[in-house]
């Protein structure tokens, strides 16, 4: 497996956007790719916590949480940082909430997250 540096990722993103792909679409694709990779590792009974930062990587996590919830999985989306700051991540969060999903309070959820690790 090859791991890209953050500078390489930025160049790849810039190239994709120069060819007409929006930052919103890049985030959607990243979250969907995460979903496909993560679901191969799950047995379906897990309680999943996704902690998202305030930027574009946090937006990728929001998209991942949406896909997992749509697949019927038990997911808590947690935003322990301050408010989401990037336009695209805010759009994905708005869409997530419009689907009826909620963001959990990190402080209230942290104890239950530590105590729930099901064995497949």
PDB file of N, CA and C in Angstrom:
ATOM      1  N   UNK A   1       0.840  -1.164   0.000  1.00  0.00           N
ATOM      2  CA  UNK A   1       0.000   0.000   0.000  1.00  0.00           C
ATOM      3  C   UNK A   1       0.891   1.234   0.000  1.00  0.00           C
ATOM      4  N   UNK A   2       0.484   2.212  -0.786  1.00  0.00           N
ATOM      5  CA  UNK A   2       1.231   3.455  -0.849  1.00  0.00           C
ATOM      6  C   UNK A   2       0.494   4.516  -0.041  1.00  0.00           C
ATOM      7  N   UNK A   3       1.209   5.252   0.789  1.00  0.00           N
ATOM      8  CA  UNK A   3       0.624   6.327   1.578  1.00  0.00           C
ATOM      9  C   UNK A   3       1.121   7.655   1.006  1.00  0.00           C
ATOM     10  N   UNK A   4       0.176   8.518   0.655  1.00  0.00           N
ATOM     11  CA  UNK A   4       0.509   9.819   0.089  1.00  0.00           C
ATOM     12  C   UNK A   4       0.765  10.838   1.192  1.00  0.00           C
ATOM     13  N   UNK A   5       1.640  11.782   0.922  1.00  0.00           N
ATOM     14  CA  UNK A   5       1.875  12.875   1.855  1.00  0.00           C
ATOM     15  C   UNK A   5       0.761  13.905   1.697  1.00  0.00           C
ATOM     16  N   UNK A   6       0.643  14.806   2.668  1.00  0.00           N
ATOM     17  CA  UNK A   6      -0.389  15.840   2.574  1.00  0.00           C
ATOM     18  C   UNK A   6      -0.139  16.750   1.366  1.00  0.00           C
ATOM     19  N   UNK A   7       1.111  17.026   1.045  1.00  0.00           N
ATOM     20  CA  UNK A   7       1.409  17.845  -0.137  1.00  0.00           C
ATOM     21  C   UNK A   7       0.976  17.143  -1.418  1.00  0.00           C
ATOM     22  N   UNK A   8       1.201  15.828  -1.496  1.00  0.00           N
ATOM     23  CA  UNK A   8       0.776  15.075  -2.678  1.00  0.00           C
ATOM     24  C   UNK A   8      -0.752  15.069  -2.802  1.00  0.00           C
ATOM     25  N   UNK A   9      -1.439  14.913  -1.683  1.00  0.00           N
ATOM     26  CA  UNK A   9      -2.906  14.922  -1.696  1.00  0.00           C
ATOM     27  C   UNK A   9      -3.418  16.272  -2.178  1.00  0.00           C
ATOM     28  N   UNK A  10      -2.812  17.355  -1.702  1.00  0.00           N
ATOM     29  CA  UNK A  10      -3.226  18.699  -2.137  1.00  0.00           C
ATOM     30  C   UNK A  10      -3.063  18.851  -3.646  1.00  0.00           C
ATOM     31  N   UNK A  11      -1.951  18.355  -4.181  1.00  0.00           N
ATOM     32  CA  UNK A  11      -1.731  18.434  -5.633  1.00  0.00           C
ATOM     33  C   UNK A  11      -2.772  17.617  -6.401  1.00  0.00           C
ATOM     34  N   UNK A  12      -3.084  16.436  -5.900  1.00  0.00           N
ATOM     35  CA  UNK A  12      -4.093  15.584  -6.539  1.00  0.00           C
ATOM     36  C   UNK A  12      -5.454  16.274  -6.506  1.00  0.00           C
ATOM     37  N   UNK A  13      -5.809  16.851  -5.355  1.00  0.00           N
ATOM     38  CA  UNK A  13      -7.076  17.577  -5.234  1.00  0.00           C
ATOM     39  C   UNK A  13      -7.121  18.760  -6.198  1.00  0.00           C
ATOM     40  N   UNK A  14      -6.035  19.526  -6.256  1.00  0.00           N
ATOM     41  CA  UNK A  14      -5.983  20.676  -7.158  1.00  0.00           C
ATOM     42  C   UNK A  14      -6.130  20.241  -8.616  1.00  0.00           C
ATOM     43  N   UNK A  15      -5.493  19.141  -8.976  1.00  0.00           N
ATOM     44  CA  UNK A  15      -5.607  18.623 -10.349  1.00  0.00           C
ATOM     45  C   UNK A  15      -7.042  18.211 -10.650  1.00  0.00           C
ATOM     46  N   UNK A  16      -7.681  17.518  -9.722  1.00  0.00           N
ATOM     47  CA  UNK A  16      -9.079  17.100  -9.921  1.00  0.00           C
ATOM     48  C   UNK A  16      -9.987  18.314 -10.069  1.00  0.00           C
ATOM     49  N   UNK A  17      -9.773  19.336  -9.247  1.00  0.00           N
ATOM     50  CA  UNK A  17     -10.601  20.540  -9.326  1.00  0.00           C
ATOM     51  C   UNK A  17     -10.341  21.318 -10.614  1.00  0.00           C
ATOM     52  N   UNK A  18      -9.103  21.298 -11.095  1.00  0.00           N
ATOM     53  CA  UNK A  18      -8.801  21.987 -12.357  1.00  0.00           C
ATOM     54  C   UNK A  18      -9.478  21.293 -13.539  1.00  0.00           C
ATOM     55  N   UNK A  19      -9.849  20.039 -13.348  1.00  0.00           N
ATOM     56  CA  UNK A  19     -10.543  19.283 -14.399  1.00  0.00           C
ATOM     57  C   UNK A  19     -12.057  19.288 -14.200  1.00  0.00           C
ATOM     58  N   UNK A  20     -12.540  20.110 -13.245  1.00  0.00           N
ATOM     59  CA  UNK A  20     -13.970  20.297 -13.101  1.00  0.00           C
ATOM     60  C   UNK A  20     -14.645  19.644 -11.907  1.00  0.00           C
ATOM     61  N   UNK A  21     -13.907  18.928 -11.099  1.00  0.00           N
ATOM     62  CA  UNK A  21     -14.519  18.305  -9.925  1.00  0.00           C
ATOM     63  C   UNK A  21     -14.536  19.319  -8.783  1.00  0.00           C
ATOM     64  N   UNK A  22     -15.658  19.432  -8.109  1.00  0.00           N
ATOM     65  CA  UNK A  22     -15.759  20.391  -7.010  1.00  0.00           C
ATOM     66  C   UNK A  22     -15.185  19.786  -5.726  1.00  0.00           C
ATOM     67  N   UNK A  23     -14.857  20.676  -4.787  1.00  0.00           N
ATOM     68  CA  UNK A  23     -14.384  20.220  -3.480  1.00  0.00           C
ATOM     69  C   UNK A  23     -15.474  19.413  -2.773  1.00  0.00           C
ATOM     70  N   UNK A  24     -16.741  19.765  -2.983  1.00  0.00           N
ATOM     71  CA  UNK A  24     -17.857  19.019  -2.408  1.00  0.00           C
ATOM     72  C   UNK A  24     -17.856  17.577  -2.928  1.00  0.00           C
ATOM     73  N   UNK A  25     -17.639  17.408  -4.235  1.00  0.00           N
ATOM     74  CA  UNK A  25     -17.589  16.068  -4.832  1.00  0.00           C
ATOM     75  C   UNK A  25     -16.378  15.277  -4.343  1.00  0.00           C
ATOM     76  N   UNK A  26     -15.241  15.946  -4.193  1.00  0.00           N
ATOM     77  CA  UNK A  26     -14.055  15.264  -3.671  1.00  0.00           C
ATOM     78  C   UNK A  26     -14.325  14.712  -2.280  1.00  0.00           C
ATOM     79  N   UNK A  27     -15.009  15.500  -1.450  1.00  0.00           N
ATOM     80  CA  UNK A  27     -15.344  15.072  -0.093  1.00  0.00           C
ATOM     81  C   UNK A  27     -16.324  13.899  -0.135  1.00  0.00           C
ATOM     82  N   UNK A  28     -17.301  13.982  -1.009  1.00  0.00           N
ATOM     83  CA  UNK A  28     -18.278  12.884  -1.166  1.00  0.00           C
ATOM     84  C   UNK A  28     -17.560  11.601  -1.575  1.00  0.00           C
ATOM     85  N   UNK A  29     -16.657  11.710  -2.524  1.00  0.00           N
ATOM     86  CA  UNK A  29     -15.921  10.536  -2.994  1.00  0.00           C
ATOM     87  C   UNK A  29     -15.015   9.959  -1.907  1.00  0.00           C
ATOM     88  N   UNK A  30     -14.371  10.830  -1.124  1.00  0.00           N
ATOM     89  CA  UNK A  30     -13.505  10.360  -0.045  1.00  0.00           C
ATOM     90  C   UNK A  30     -14.322   9.612   1.006  1.00  0.00           C
ATOM     91  N   UNK A  31     -15.461  10.180   1.396  1.00  0.00           N
ATOM     92  CA  UNK A  31     -16.314   9.528   2.392  1.00  0.00           C
ATOM     93  C   UNK A  31     -16.862   8.207   1.892  1.00  0.00           C
ATOM     94  N   UNK A  32     -17.221   8.165   0.620  1.00  0.00           N
ATOM     95  CA  UNK A  32     -17.724   6.923   0.034  1.00  0.00           C
ATOM     96  C   UNK A  32     -16.623   5.874  -0.031  1.00  0.00           C
ATOM     97  N   UNK A  33     -15.418   6.280  -0.374  1.00  0.00           N
ATOM     98  CA  UNK A  33     -14.291   5.351  -0.392  1.00  0.00           C
ATOM     99  C   UNK A  33     -13.985   4.813   0.993  1.00  0.00           C
ATOM    100  N   UNK A  34     -14.063   5.676   1.992  1.00  0.00           N
ATOM    101  CA  UNK A  34     -13.889   5.226   3.374  1.00  0.00           C
ATOM    102  C   UNK A  34     -14.962   4.210   3.748  1.00  0.00           C
ATOM    103  N   UNK A  35     -16.201   4.493   3.368  1.00  0.00           N
ATOM    104  CA  UNK A  35     -17.309   3.581   3.652  1.00  0.00           C
ATOM    105  C   UNK A  35     -17.044   2.196   3.066  1.00  0.00           C
ATOM    106  N   UNK A  36     -16.644   2.150   1.804  1.00  0.00           N
ATOM    107  CA  UNK A  36     -16.377   0.851   1.155  1.00  0.00           C
ATOM    108  C   UNK A  36     -15.247   0.110   1.846  1.00  0.00           C
ATOM    109  N   UNK A  37     -14.203   0.819   2.266  1.00  0.00           N
ATOM    110  CA  UNK A  37     -13.073   0.171   2.938  1.00  0.00           C
ATOM    111  C   UNK A  37     -13.441  -0.273   4.352  1.00  0.00           C
ATOM    112  N   UNK A  38     -14.133   0.580   5.091  1.00  0.00           N
ATOM    113  CA  UNK A  38     -14.465   0.289   6.484  1.00  0.00           C
ATOM    114  C   UNK A  38     -15.460  -0.855   6.604  1.00  0.00           C
ATOM    115  N   UNK A  39     -16.448  -0.907   5.728  1.00  0.00           N
ATOM    116  CA  UNK A  39     -17.481  -1.941   5.856  1.00  0.00           C
ATOM    117  C   UNK A  39     -16.914  -3.345   5.640  1.00  0.00           C
ATOM    118  N   UNK A  40     -15.796  -3.455   4.961  1.00  0.00           N
ATOM    119  CA  UNK A  40     -15.157  -4.762   4.797  1.00  0.00           C
ATOM    120  C   UNK A  40     -14.592  -5.275   6.125  1.00  0.00           C
ATOM    121  N   UNK A  41     -14.364  -4.361   7.055  1.00  0.00           N
ATOM    122  CA  UNK A  41     -13.761  -4.706   8.345  1.00  0.00           C
ATOM    123  C   UNK A  41     -14.778  -4.895   9.460  1.00  0.00           C
ATOM    124  N   UNK A  42     -16.040  -4.607   9.177  1.00  0.00           N
ATOM    125  CA  UNK A  42     -17.068  -4.636  10.217  1.00  0.00           C
ATOM    126  C   UNK A  42     -17.904  -5.905  10.150  1.00  0.00           C
ATOM    127  N   UNK A  43     -18.429  -6.295  11.305  1.00  0.00           N
ATOM    128  CA  UNK A  43     -19.322  -7.451  11.319  1.00  0.00           C
ATOM    129  C   UNK A  43     -20.787  -7.032  11.354  1.00  0.00           C
ATOM    130  N   UNK A  44     -21.063  -5.731  11.529  1.00  0.00           N
ATOM    131  CA  UNK A  44     -22.429  -5.240  11.460  1.00  0.00           C
ATOM    132  C   UNK A  44     -23.099  -5.006  12.789  1.00  0.00           C
ATOM    133  N   UNK A  45     -22.473  -5.378  13.887  1.00  0.00           N
ATOM    134  CA  UNK A  45     -23.079  -5.202  15.207  1.00  0.00           C
ATOM    135  C   UNK A  45     -22.354  -4.144  16.036  1.00  0.00           C
ATOM    136  N   UNK A  46     -21.394  -3.485  15.467  1.00  0.00           N
ATOM    137  CA  UNK A  46     -20.589  -2.523  16.204  1.00  0.00           C
ATOM    138  C   UNK A  46     -21.368  -1.236  16.496  1.00  0.00           C
ATOM    139  N   UNK A  47     -20.960  -0.593  17.553  1.00  0.00           N
ATOM    140  CA  UNK A  47     -21.356   0.784  17.793  1.00  0.00           C
ATOM    141  C   UNK A  47     -20.155   1.600  17.336  1.00  0.00           C
ATOM    142  N   UNK A  48     -20.345   2.435  16.354  1.00  0.00           N
ATOM    143  CA  UNK A  48     -19.245   3.154  15.723  1.00  0.00           C
ATOM    144  C   UNK A  48     -19.293   4.617  16.132  1.00  0.00           C
ATOM    145  N   UNK A  49     -18.151   5.149  16.530  1.00  0.00           N
ATOM    146  CA  UNK A  49     -18.022   6.569  16.830  1.00  0.00           C
ATOM    147  C   UNK A  49     -17.071   7.182  15.816  1.00  0.00           C
ATOM    148  N   UNK A  50     -17.501   8.244  15.176  1.00  0.00           N
ATOM    149  CA  UNK A  50     -16.669   8.955  14.219  1.00  0.00           C
ATOM    150  C   UNK A  50     -16.428  10.349  14.772  1.00  0.00           C
ATOM    151  N   UNK A  51     -15.175  10.633  15.092  1.00  0.00           N
ATOM    152  CA  UNK A  51     -14.792  11.945  15.599  1.00  0.00           C
ATOM    153  C   UNK A  51     -14.253  12.764  14.433  1.00  0.00           C
ATOM    154  N   UNK A  52     -14.862  13.918  14.202  1.00  0.00           N
ATOM    155  CA  UNK A  52     -14.500  14.733  13.050  1.00  0.00           C
ATOM    156  C   UNK A  52     -13.929  16.065  13.469  1.00  0.00           C
ATOM    157  N   UNK A  53     -12.886  16.456  12.792  1.00  0.00           N
ATOM    158  CA  UNK A  53     -12.320  17.780  12.997  1.00  0.00           C
ATOM    159  C   UNK A  53     -13.176  18.835  12.314  1.00  0.00           C
ATOM    160  N   UNK A  54     -12.685  20.062  12.303  1.00  0.00           N
ATOM    161  CA  UNK A  54     -13.481  21.179  11.816  1.00  0.00           C
ATOM    162  C   UNK A  54     -13.270  21.504  10.342  1.00  0.00           C
ATOM    163  N   UNK A  55     -12.370  20.788   9.675  1.00  0.00           N
ATOM    164  CA  UNK A  55     -12.056  21.099   8.283  1.00  0.00           C
ATOM    165  C   UNK A  55     -12.541  20.052   7.301  1.00  0.00           C
ATOM    166  N   UNK A  56     -11.851  19.980   6.171  1.00  0.00           N
ATOM    167  CA  UNK A  56     -12.268  19.074   5.101  1.00  0.00           C
ATOM    168  C   UNK A  56     -12.151  17.609   5.478  1.00  0.00           C
ATOM    169  N   UNK A  57     -11.151  17.231   6.265  1.00  0.00           N
ATOM    170  CA  UNK A  57     -11.076  15.834   6.701  1.00  0.00           C
ATOM    171  C   UNK A  57     -12.269  15.488   7.579  1.00  0.00           C
ATOM    172  N   UNK A  58     -12.704  16.449   8.389  1.00  0.00           N
ATOM    173  CA  UNK A  58     -13.919  16.267   9.171  1.00  0.00           C
ATOM    174  C   UNK A  58     -15.123  16.067   8.263  1.00  0.00           C
ATOM    175  N   UNK A  59     -15.136  16.776   7.151  1.00  0.00           N
ATOM    176  CA  UNK A  59     -16.214  16.598   6.166  1.00  0.00           C
ATOM    177  C   UNK A  59     -16.221  15.195   5.594  1.00  0.00           C
ATOM    178  N   UNK A  60     -15.041  14.630   5.352  1.00  0.00           N
ATOM    179  CA  UNK A  60     -14.954  13.240   4.888  1.00  0.00           C
ATOM    180  C   UNK A  60     -15.606  12.310   5.912  1.00  0.00           C
ATOM    181  N   UNK A  61     -15.353  12.575   7.197  1.00  0.00           N
ATOM    182  CA  UNK A  61     -15.935  11.764   8.269  1.00  0.00           C
ATOM    183  C   UNK A  61     -17.447  11.907   8.345  1.00  0.00           C
ATOM    184  N   UNK A  62     -17.952  13.101   8.089  1.00  0.00           N
ATOM    185  CA  UNK A  62     -19.403  13.318   8.073  1.00  0.00           C
ATOM    186  C   UNK A  62     -20.042  12.493   6.970  1.00  0.00           C
ATOM    187  N   UNK A  63     -19.421  12.486   5.796  1.00  0.00           N
ATOM    188  CA  UNK A  63     -19.928  11.679   4.680  1.00  0.00           C
ATOM    189  C   UNK A  63     -19.884  10.197   5.049  1.00  0.00           C
ATOM    190  N   UNK A  64     -18.788   9.743   5.652  1.00  0.00           N
ATOM    191  CA  UNK A  64     -18.678   8.356   6.096  1.00  0.00           C
ATOM    192  C   UNK A  64     -19.811   8.013   7.058  1.00  0.00           C
ATOM    193  N   UNK A  65     -20.063   8.879   8.037  1.00  0.00           N
ATOM    194  CA  UNK A  65     -21.138   8.633   9.009  1.00  0.00           C
ATOM    195  C   UNK A  65     -22.482   8.506   8.304  1.00  0.00           C
ATOM    196  N   UNK A  66     -22.730   9.354   7.315  1.00  0.00           N
ATOM    197  CA  UNK A  66     -23.999   9.295   6.567  1.00  0.00           C
ATOM    198  C   UNK A  66     -24.147   7.959   5.853  1.00  0.00           C
ATOM    199  N   UNK A  67     -23.108   7.523   5.172  1.00  0.00           N
ATOM    200  CA  UNK A  67     -23.182   6.242   4.456  1.00  0.00           C
ATOM    201  C   UNK A  67     -23.396   5.076   5.421  1.00  0.00           C
ATOM    202  N   UNK A  68     -22.693   5.091   6.550  1.00  0.00           N
ATOM    203  CA  UNK A  68     -22.855   4.011   7.531  1.00  0.00           C
ATOM    204  C   UNK A  68     -24.274   4.002   8.099  1.00  0.00           C
ATOM    205  N   UNK A  69     -24.808   5.178   8.415  1.00  0.00           N
ATOM    206  CA  UNK A  69     -26.183   5.249   8.927  1.00  0.00           C
ATOM    207  C   UNK A  69     -27.180   4.775   7.872  1.00  0.00           C
ATOM    208  N   UNK A  70     -26.965   5.170   6.633  1.00  0.00           N
ATOM    209  CA  UNK A  70     -27.862   4.749   5.561  1.00  0.00           C
ATOM    210  C   UNK A  70     -27.823   3.234   5.372  1.00  0.00           C
ATOM    211  N   UNK A  71     -26.698   2.617   5.751  1.00  0.00           N
ATOM    212  CA  UNK A  71     -26.560   1.160   5.671  1.00  0.00           C
ATOM    213  C   UNK A  71     -27.118   0.475   6.923  1.00  0.00           C
ATOM    214  N   UNK A  72     -27.695   1.263   7.832  1.00  0.00           N
ATOM    215  CA  UNK A  72     -28.332   0.700   9.015  1.00  0.00           C
ATOM    216  C   UNK A  72     -27.413   0.450  10.190  1.00  0.00           C
ATOM    217  N   UNK A  73     -26.228   1.029  10.168  1.00  0.00           N
ATOM    218  CA  UNK A  73     -25.281   0.791  11.258  1.00  0.00           C
ATOM    219  C   UNK A  73     -25.492   1.791  12.388  1.00  0.00           C
ATOM    220  N   UNK A  74     -25.080   1.399  13.593  1.00  0.00           N
ATOM    221  CA  UNK A  74     -25.196   2.224  14.795  1.00  0.00           C
ATOM    222  C   UNK A  74     -23.991   3.157  14.860  1.00  0.00           C
ATOM    223  N   UNK A  75     -24.201   4.417  14.502  1.00  0.00           N
ATOM    224  CA  UNK A  75     -23.103   5.371  14.359  1.00  0.00           C
ATOM    225  C   UNK A  75     -23.376   6.621  15.182  1.00  0.00           C
ATOM    226  N   UNK A  76     -22.368   7.065  15.908  1.00  0.00           N
ATOM    227  CA  UNK A  76     -22.399   8.359  16.584  1.00  0.00           C
ATOM    228  C   UNK A  76     -21.406   9.269  15.881  1.00  0.00           C
ATOM    229  N   UNK A  77     -21.891  10.394  15.398  1.00  0.00           N
ATOM    230  CA  UNK A  77     -21.028  11.413  14.811  1.00  0.00           C
ATOM    231  C   UNK A  77     -20.717  12.423  15.897  1.00  0.00           C
ATOM    232  N   UNK A  78     -19.437  12.621  16.168  1.00  0.00           N
ATOM    233  CA  UNK A  78     -18.989  13.511  17.233  1.00  0.00           C
ATOM    234  C   UNK A  78     -18.101  14.607  16.653  1.00  0.00           C
ATOM    235  N   UNK A  79     -18.381  15.831  17.046  1.00  0.00           N
ATOM    236  CA  UNK A  79     -17.581  16.969  16.604  1.00  0.00           C
ATOM    237  C   UNK A  79     -16.941  17.616  17.835  1.00  0.00           C
ATOM    238  N   UNK A  80     -15.812  17.057  18.320  1.00  0.00           N
ATOM    239  CA  UNK A  80     -15.214  17.550  19.556  1.00  0.00           C
ATOM    240  C   UNK A  80     -14.514  18.897  19.419  1.00  0.00           C
ATOM    241  N   UNK A  81     -14.219  19.301  18.206  1.00  0.00           N
ATOM    242  CA  UNK A  81     -13.555  20.587  17.986  1.00  0.00           C
ATOM    243  C   UNK A  81     -14.621  21.673  17.963  1.00  0.00           C
ATOM    244  N   UNK A  82     -14.194  22.872  17.616  1.00  0.00           N
ATOM    245  CA  UNK A  82     -15.154  23.954  17.465  1.00  0.00           C
ATOM    246  C   UNK A  82     -15.986  23.733  16.199  1.00  0.00           C
ATOM    247  N   UNK A  83     -16.767  24.701  15.822  1.00  0.00           N
ATOM    248  CA  UNK A  83     -17.649  24.585  14.661  1.00  0.00           C
ATOM    249  C   UNK A  83     -16.886  24.194  13.391  1.00  0.00           C
ATOM    250  N   UNK A  84     -17.581  23.495  12.517  1.00  0.00           N
ATOM    251  CA  UNK A  84     -17.040  23.178  11.190  1.00  0.00           C
ATOM    252  C   UNK A  84     -16.746  24.493  10.471  1.00  0.00           C
ATOM    253  N   UNK A  85     -15.598  24.579   9.804  1.00  0.00           N
ATOM    254  CA  UNK A  85     -15.205  25.855   9.203  1.00  0.00           C
ATOM    255  C   UNK A  85     -15.246  25.885   7.682  1.00  0.00           C
ATOM    256  N   UNK A  86     -15.074  24.763   7.007  1.00  0.00           N
ATOM    257  CA  UNK A  86     -15.041  24.824   5.545  1.00  0.00           C
ATOM    258  C   UNK A  86     -16.451  24.730   4.973  1.00  0.00           C
ATOM    259  N   UNK A  87     -16.636  25.435   3.873  1.00  0.00           N
ATOM    260  CA  UNK A  87     -17.949  25.504   3.229  1.00  0.00           C
ATOM    261  C   UNK A  87     -18.476  24.117   2.875  1.00  0.00           C
ATOM    262  N   UNK A  88     -17.634  23.298   2.282  1.00  0.00           N
ATOM    263  CA  UNK A  88     -18.070  21.978   1.833  1.00  0.00           C
ATOM    264  C   UNK A  88     -18.423  21.063   3.007  1.00  0.00           C
ATOM    265  N   UNK A  89     -17.629  21.098   4.065  1.00  0.00           N
ATOM    266  CA  UNK A  89     -17.932  20.282   5.243  1.00  0.00           C
ATOM    267  C   UNK A  89     -19.243  20.739   5.877  1.00  0.00           C
ATOM    268  N   UNK A  90     -19.481  22.053   5.902  1.00  0.00           N
ATOM    269  CA  UNK A  90     -20.749  22.575   6.423  1.00  0.00           C
ATOM    270  C   UNK A  90     -21.921  22.077   5.581  1.00  0.00           C
ATOM    271  N   UNK A  91     -21.741  22.035   4.260  1.00  0.00           N
ATOM    272  CA  UNK A  91     -22.800  21.542   3.369  1.00  0.00           C
ATOM    273  C   UNK A  91     -23.103  20.072   3.653  1.00  0.00           C
ATOM    274  N   UNK A  92     -22.066  19.278   3.842  1.00  0.00           N
ATOM    275  CA  UNK A  92     -22.282  17.862   4.134  1.00  0.00           C
ATOM    276  C   UNK A  92     -22.939  17.671   5.497  1.00  0.00           C
ATOM    277  N   UNK A  93     -22.563  18.487   6.477  1.00  0.00           N
ATOM    278  CA  UNK A  93     -23.187  18.412   7.796  1.00  0.00           C
ATOM    279  C   UNK A  93     -24.672  18.796   7.702  1.00  0.00           C
ATOM    280  N   UNK A  94     -24.972  19.820   6.933  1.00  0.00           N
ATOM    281  CA  UNK A  94     -26.364  20.245   6.735  1.00  0.00           C
ATOM    282  C   UNK A  94     -27.177  19.107   6.098  1.00  0.00           C
ATOM    283  N   UNK A  95     -26.623  18.475   5.092  1.00  0.00           N
ATOM    284  CA  UNK A  95     -27.295  17.347   4.426  1.00  0.00           C
ATOM    285  C   UNK A  95     -27.514  16.201   5.416  1.00  0.00           C
ATOM    286  N   UNK A  96     -26.493  15.897   6.207  1.00  0.00           N
ATOM    287  CA  UNK A  96     -26.560  14.841   7.220  1.00  0.00           C
ATOM    288  C   UNK A  96     -27.726  15.113   8.175  1.00  0.00           C
ATOM    289  N   UNK A  97     -27.803  16.330   8.663  1.00  0.00           N
ATOM    290  CA  UNK A  97     -28.870  16.699   9.601  1.00  0.00           C
ATOM    291  C   UNK A  97     -30.243  16.700   8.926  1.00  0.00           C
ATOM    292  N   UNK A  98     -30.297  17.126   7.669  1.00  0.00           N
ATOM    293  CA  UNK A  98     -31.572  17.123   6.939  1.00  0.00           C
ATOM    294  C   UNK A  98     -32.118  15.718   6.730  1.00  0.00           C
ATOM    295  N   UNK A  99     -31.260  14.724   6.770  1.00  0.00           N
ATOM    296  CA  UNK A  99     -31.704  13.335   6.675  1.00  0.00           C
ATOM    297  C   UNK A  99     -32.262  12.838   8.009  1.00  0.00           C
ATOM    298  N   UNK A 100     -32.217  13.689   9.017  1.00  0.00           N
ATOM    299  CA  UNK A 100     -32.746  13.328  10.334  1.00  0.00           C
ATOM    300  C   UNK A 100     -31.708  12.791  11.298  1.00  0.00           C
ATOM    301  N   UNK A 101     -30.443  12.807  10.908  1.00  0.00           N
ATOM    302  CA  UNK A 101     -29.378  12.316  11.770  1.00  0.00           C
ATOM    303  C   UNK A 101     -28.908  13.435  12.694  1.00  0.00           C
ATOM    304  N   UNK A 102     -28.421  13.061  13.856  1.00  0.00           N
ATOM    305  CA  UNK A 102     -27.980  14.055  14.832  1.00  0.00           C
ATOM    306  C   UNK A 102     -26.496  13.903  15.121  1.00  0.00           C
ATOM    307  N   UNK A 103     -25.937  14.971  15.623  1.00  0.00           N
ATOM    308  CA  UNK A 103     -24.548  14.992  16.079  1.00  0.00           C
ATOM    309  C   UNK A 103     -24.590  14.817  17.587  1.00  0.00           C
ATOM    310  N   UNK A 104     -23.798  13.907  18.097  1.00  0.00           N
ATOM    311  CA  UNK A 104     -23.773  13.607  19.524  1.00  0.00           C
ATOM    312  C   UNK A 104     -22.828  14.557  20.254  1.00  0.00           C
ATOM    313  N   UNK A 105     -23.143  14.820  21.500  1.00  0.00           N
ATOM    314  CA  UNK A 105     -22.268  15.601  22.358  1.00  0.00           C
ATOM    315  C   UNK A 105     -21.078  14.732  22.729  1.00  0.00           C
ATOM    316  N   UNK A 106     -19.892  15.195  22.461  1.00  0.00           N
ATOM    317  CA  UNK A 106     -18.685  14.404  22.694  1.00  0.00           C
ATOM    318  C   UNK A 106     -18.535  14.026  24.163  1.00  0.00           C
ATOM    319  N   UNK A 107     -18.766  14.932  25.069  1.00  0.00           N
ATOM    320  CA  UNK A 107     -18.609  14.656  26.505  1.00  0.00           C
ATOM    321  C   UNK A 107     -19.602  13.597  26.972  1.00  0.00           C
ATOM    322  N   UNK A 108     -20.852  13.658  26.491  1.00  0.00           N
ATOM    323  CA  UNK A 108     -21.860  12.680  26.894  1.00  0.00           C
ATOM    324  C   UNK A 108     -21.579  11.296  26.320  1.00  0.00           C
ATOM    325  N   UNK A 109     -20.943  11.243  25.157  1.00  0.00           N
ATOM    326  CA  UNK A 109     -20.741   9.973  24.460  1.00  0.00           C
ATOM    327  C   UNK A 109     -19.433   9.288  24.796  1.00  0.00           C
ATOM    328  N   UNK A 110     -18.459  10.005  25.332  1.00  0.00           N
ATOM    329  CA  UNK A 110     -17.123   9.431  25.478  1.00  0.00           C
ATOM    330  C   UNK A 110     -17.088   8.200  26.380  1.00  0.00           C
ATOM    331  N   UNK A 111     -17.856   8.156  27.455  1.00  0.00           N
ATOM    332  CA  UNK A 111     -17.843   6.989  28.348  1.00  0.00           C
ATOM    333  C   UNK A 111     -18.482   5.777  27.684  1.00  0.00           C
ATOM    334  N   UNK A 112     -19.596   5.964  26.984  1.00  0.00           N
ATOM    335  CA  UNK A 112     -20.243   4.820  26.339  1.00  0.00           C
ATOM    336  C   UNK A 112     -19.406   4.289  25.183  1.00  0.00           C
ATOM    337  N   UNK A 113     -18.630   5.164  24.543  1.00  0.00           N
ATOM    338  CA  UNK A 113     -17.748   4.717  23.460  1.00  0.00           C
ATOM    339  C   UNK A 113     -16.666   3.804  24.012  1.00  0.00           C
ATOM    340  N   UNK A 114     -16.075   4.162  25.134  1.00  0.00           N
ATOM    341  CA  UNK A 114     -15.007   3.349  25.732  1.00  0.00           C
ATOM    342  C   UNK A 114     -15.506   1.982  26.176  1.00  0.00           C
ATOM    343  N   UNK A 115     -16.787   1.877  26.535  1.00  0.00           N
ATOM    344  CA  UNK A 115     -17.272   0.635  27.121  1.00  0.00           C
ATOM    345  C   UNK A 115     -17.950  -0.298  26.114  1.00  0.00           C
ATOM    346  N   UNK A 116     -17.997   0.044  24.845  1.00  0.00           N
ATOM    347  CA  UNK A 116     -18.716  -0.818  23.908  1.00  0.00           C
ATOM    348  C   UNK A 116     -17.841  -1.243  22.745  1.00  0.00           C
ATOM    349  N   UNK A 117     -17.199  -2.387  22.907  1.00  0.00           N
ATOM    350  CA  UNK A 117     -16.368  -2.969  21.864  1.00  0.00           C
ATOM    351  C   UNK A 117     -16.837  -4.403  21.609  1.00  0.00           C
ATOM    352  N   UNK A 118     -17.858  -4.603  20.749  1.00  0.00           N
ATOM    353  CA  UNK A 118     -18.343  -5.950  20.514  1.00  0.00           C
ATOM    354  C   UNK A 118     -17.305  -6.833  19.807  1.00  0.00           C
ATOM    355  N   UNK A 119     -17.369  -8.089  20.063  1.00  0.00           N
ATOM    356  CA  UNK A 119     -16.478  -9.048  19.416  1.00  0.00           C
ATOM    357  C   UNK A 119     -17.245  -9.732  18.306  1.00  0.00           C
ATOM    358  N   UNK A 120     -16.683  -9.740  17.122  1.00  0.00           N
ATOM    359  CA  UNK A 120     -17.348 -10.349  15.960  1.00  0.00           C
ATOM    360  C   UNK A 120     -17.176 -11.857  15.968  1.00  0.00           C
TER     361      UNK A 120
END
